Amino acid sequence: MTFHHVGIPTTRRRSGETYLEAARLYVTDAAASPYRIEWLRFEADSPMAEELKSGAHVAFMVKDLGAAMAGKDVLVEPFEPMPGLRVGFIRDDGAIVELMQEIA
């Protein structure tokens, strides 16, 4: 598991946002931030979990998303927000954790 970013919800538009239609949210590129911050701006009708809309999360790249999520307190089941990436969210001791896997 490798640290990837910290995700922080916001209501402010940011330059370089990418729109993720299925999730109905805008995200910035964490790699463009010196502190690996990913800003998330949700549309009012976003289907994402309310906890994600109001709370920060930490994200990690994993080799096997299914194995990493097995037996965990799942907040959001795995999905593909963009081509080549599969993600899921868990709760760990009250913290929101995003687990990410690159796919071919």
C-alpha atoms as a PDB file:
ATOM      1  CA  MET A   1       0.000   0.000   0.000  1.00  0.00           C
ATOM      2  CA  THR A   2       1.365   3.411  -1.014  1.00  0.00           C
ATOM      3  CA  PHE A   3       0.098   6.819   0.080  1.00  0.00           C
ATOM      4  CA  HIS A   4      -1.533   8.699  -2.813  1.00  0.00           C
ATOM      5  CA  HIS A   5      -3.439  11.787  -1.590  1.00  0.00           C
ATOM      6  CA  VAL A   6      -5.666  13.508   0.926  1.00  0.00           C
ATOM      7  CA  GLY A   7      -9.133  14.346  -0.397  1.00  0.00           C
ATOM      8  CA  ILE A   8     -10.883  17.432   0.934  1.00  0.00           C
ATOM      9  CA  PRO A   9     -14.450  18.466   0.057  1.00  0.00           C
ATOM     10  CA  THR A  10     -14.924  22.065  -1.031  1.00  0.00           C
ATOM     11  CA  THR A  11     -17.607  24.295  -2.499  1.00  0.00           C
ATOM     12  CA  ARG A  12     -15.075  26.529  -4.278  1.00  0.00           C
ATOM     13  CA  ARG A  13     -14.266  26.023  -7.948  1.00  0.00           C
ATOM     14  CA  ARG A  14     -10.590  25.303  -8.557  1.00  0.00           C
ATOM     15  CA  SER A  15      -8.513  25.510 -11.701  1.00  0.00           C
ATOM     16  CA  GLY A  16      -7.809  22.206 -13.381  1.00  0.00           C
ATOM     17  CA  GLU A  17     -10.908  20.426 -12.106  1.00  0.00           C
ATOM     18  CA  THR A  18     -11.972  17.226 -13.869  1.00  0.00           C
ATOM     19  CA  TYR A  19     -15.648  16.305 -13.958  1.00  0.00           C
ATOM     20  CA  LEU A  20     -16.550  12.724 -13.013  1.00  0.00           C
ATOM     21  CA  GLU A  21     -20.045  12.291 -14.424  1.00  0.00           C
ATOM     22  CA  ALA A  22     -20.987   9.026 -12.693  1.00  0.00           C
ATOM     23  CA  ALA A  23     -20.135  10.505  -9.283  1.00  0.00           C
ATOM     24  CA  ARG A  24     -21.413  13.985 -10.205  1.00  0.00           C
ATOM     25  CA  LEU A  25     -18.371  15.708  -8.785  1.00  0.00           C
ATOM     26  CA  TYR A  26     -15.353  17.743  -9.804  1.00  0.00           C
ATOM     27  CA  VAL A  27     -11.873  16.747  -8.636  1.00  0.00           C
ATOM     28  CA  THR A  28      -8.438  18.285  -8.892  1.00  0.00           C
ATOM     29  CA  ASP A  29      -5.251  16.358  -9.635  1.00  0.00           C
ATOM     30  CA  ALA A  30      -3.497  15.529  -6.370  1.00  0.00           C
ATOM     31  CA  ALA A  31      -0.214  15.127  -8.260  1.00  0.00           C
ATOM     32  CA  ALA A  32      -0.377  18.852  -9.090  1.00  0.00           C
ATOM     33  CA  SER A  33      -0.417  19.740  -5.393  1.00  0.00           C
ATOM     34  CA  PRO A  34       2.863  19.877  -3.449  1.00  0.00           C
ATOM     35  CA  TYR A  35       0.971  18.397  -0.483  1.00  0.00           C
ATOM     36  CA  ARG A  36      -0.944  15.764  -2.520  1.00  0.00           C
ATOM     37  CA  ILE A  37      -4.307  17.423  -1.845  1.00  0.00           C
ATOM     38  CA  GLU A  38      -7.242  16.451  -4.048  1.00  0.00           C
ATOM     39  CA  TRP A  39     -10.127  18.928  -3.845  1.00  0.00           C
ATOM     40  CA  LEU A  40     -13.620  17.473  -4.373  1.00  0.00           C
ATOM     41  CA  ARG A  41     -16.587  19.655  -5.330  1.00  0.00           C
ATOM     42  CA  PHE A  42     -19.828  17.677  -5.294  1.00  0.00           C
ATOM     43  CA  GLU A  43     -22.978  18.549  -7.198  1.00  0.00           C
ATOM     44  CA  ALA A  44     -26.099  18.696  -5.023  1.00  0.00           C
ATOM     45  CA  ASP A  45     -27.431  15.465  -6.540  1.00  0.00           C
ATOM     46  CA  SER A  46     -24.172  13.500  -6.317  1.00  0.00           C
ATOM     47  CA  PRO A  47     -24.877   9.856  -5.423  1.00  0.00           C
ATOM     48  CA  MET A  48     -21.688   9.628  -3.346  1.00  0.00           C
ATOM     49  CA  ALA A  49     -21.935   8.872   0.386  1.00  0.00           C
ATOM     50  CA  GLU A  50     -22.734  11.851   2.581  1.00  0.00           C
ATOM     51  CA  GLU A  51     -19.624  11.139   4.662  1.00  0.00           C
ATOM     52  CA  LEU A  52     -17.456  11.777   1.575  1.00  0.00           C
ATOM     53  CA  LYS A  53     -19.273  15.019   0.801  1.00  0.00           C
ATOM     54  CA  SER A  54     -18.557  16.443   4.237  1.00  0.00           C
ATOM     55  CA  GLY A  55     -15.364  14.797   5.459  1.00  0.00           C
ATOM     56  CA  ALA A  56     -11.769  14.477   4.349  1.00  0.00           C
ATOM     57  CA  HIS A  57     -10.268  11.145   3.353  1.00  0.00           C
ATOM     58  CA  VAL A  58      -6.825   9.668   2.879  1.00  0.00           C
ATOM     59  CA  ALA A  59      -6.082   7.551  -0.209  1.00  0.00           C
ATOM     60  CA  PHE A  60      -3.687   4.693  -0.897  1.00  0.00           C
ATOM     61  CA  MET A  61      -2.763   2.775  -4.052  1.00  0.00           C
ATOM     62  CA  VAL A  62      -3.076  -0.993  -3.612  1.00  0.00           C
ATOM     63  CA  LYS A  63      -2.181  -3.946  -5.823  1.00  0.00           C
ATOM     64  CA  ASP A  64      -5.458  -5.825  -5.244  1.00  0.00           C
ATOM     65  CA  LEU A  65      -8.488  -3.721  -4.393  1.00  0.00           C
ATOM     66  CA  GLY A  66     -10.707  -6.696  -3.606  1.00  0.00           C
ATOM     67  CA  ALA A  67      -8.192  -8.139  -1.164  1.00  0.00           C
ATOM     68  CA  ALA A  68      -7.552  -4.736   0.444  1.00  0.00           C
ATOM     69  CA  MET A  69     -11.287  -4.209   1.048  1.00  0.00           C
ATOM     70  CA  ALA A  70     -12.073  -7.758   2.189  1.00  0.00           C
ATOM     71  CA  GLY A  71     -13.483  -7.827   5.702  1.00  0.00           C
ATOM     72  CA  LYS A  72     -13.424  -4.027   6.035  1.00  0.00           C
ATOM     73  CA  ASP A  73     -16.260  -1.617   6.912  1.00  0.00           C
ATOM     74  CA  VAL A  74     -17.161  -0.656   3.331  1.00  0.00           C
ATOM     75  CA  LEU A  75     -18.508   2.847   2.781  1.00  0.00           C
ATOM     76  CA  VAL A  76     -18.539   2.805  -1.060  1.00  0.00           C
ATOM     77  CA  GLU A  77     -18.242  -0.375  -3.117  1.00  0.00           C
ATOM     78  CA  PRO A  78     -15.533  -0.422  -5.817  1.00  0.00           C
ATOM     79  CA  PHE A  79     -16.253   1.548  -9.000  1.00  0.00           C
ATOM     80  CA  GLU A  80     -14.339   3.059 -11.927  1.00  0.00           C
ATOM     81  CA  PRO A  81     -14.368   6.876 -11.730  1.00  0.00           C
ATOM     82  CA  MET A  82     -12.182   7.105 -14.833  1.00  0.00           C
ATOM     83  CA  PRO A  83     -10.571   4.698 -17.307  1.00  0.00           C
ATOM     84  CA  GLY A  84      -7.721   2.713 -15.811  1.00  0.00           C
ATOM     85  CA  LEU A  85      -8.653   3.313 -12.173  1.00  0.00           C
ATOM     86  CA  ARG A  86     -10.836   1.380  -9.760  1.00  0.00           C
ATOM     87  CA  VAL A  87     -11.540   2.760  -6.282  1.00  0.00           C
ATOM     88  CA  GLY A  88     -13.509   1.940  -3.156  1.00  0.00           C
ATOM     89  CA  PHE A  89     -13.934   3.601   0.223  1.00  0.00           C
ATOM     90  CA  ILE A  90     -13.807   2.073   3.693  1.00  0.00           C
ATOM     91  CA  ARG A  91     -14.098   3.344   7.250  1.00  0.00           C
ATOM     92  CA  ASP A  92     -11.196   2.576   9.549  1.00  0.00           C
ATOM     93  CA  ASP A  93     -11.617   3.547  13.202  1.00  0.00           C
ATOM     94  CA  GLY A  94     -13.855   6.437  12.105  1.00  0.00           C
ATOM     95  CA  ALA A  95     -11.559   7.653   9.321  1.00  0.00           C
ATOM     96  CA  ILE A  96     -12.530   7.518   5.637  1.00  0.00           C
ATOM     97  CA  VAL A  97      -9.950   5.693   3.538  1.00  0.00           C
ATOM     98  CA  GLU A  98      -9.938   5.465  -0.249  1.00  0.00           C
ATOM     99  CA  LEU A  99      -8.271   2.411  -1.743  1.00  0.00           C
ATOM    100  CA  MET A 100      -7.207   2.713  -5.397  1.00  0.00           C
ATOM    101  CA  GLN A 101      -6.035   0.174  -7.965  1.00  0.00           C
ATOM    102  CA  GLU A 102      -4.722   0.856 -11.448  1.00  0.00           C
ATOM    103  CA  ILE A 103      -6.328  -1.484 -13.990  1.00  0.00           C
ATOM    104  CA  ALA A 104      -5.558  -2.292 -17.600  1.00  0.00           C
END
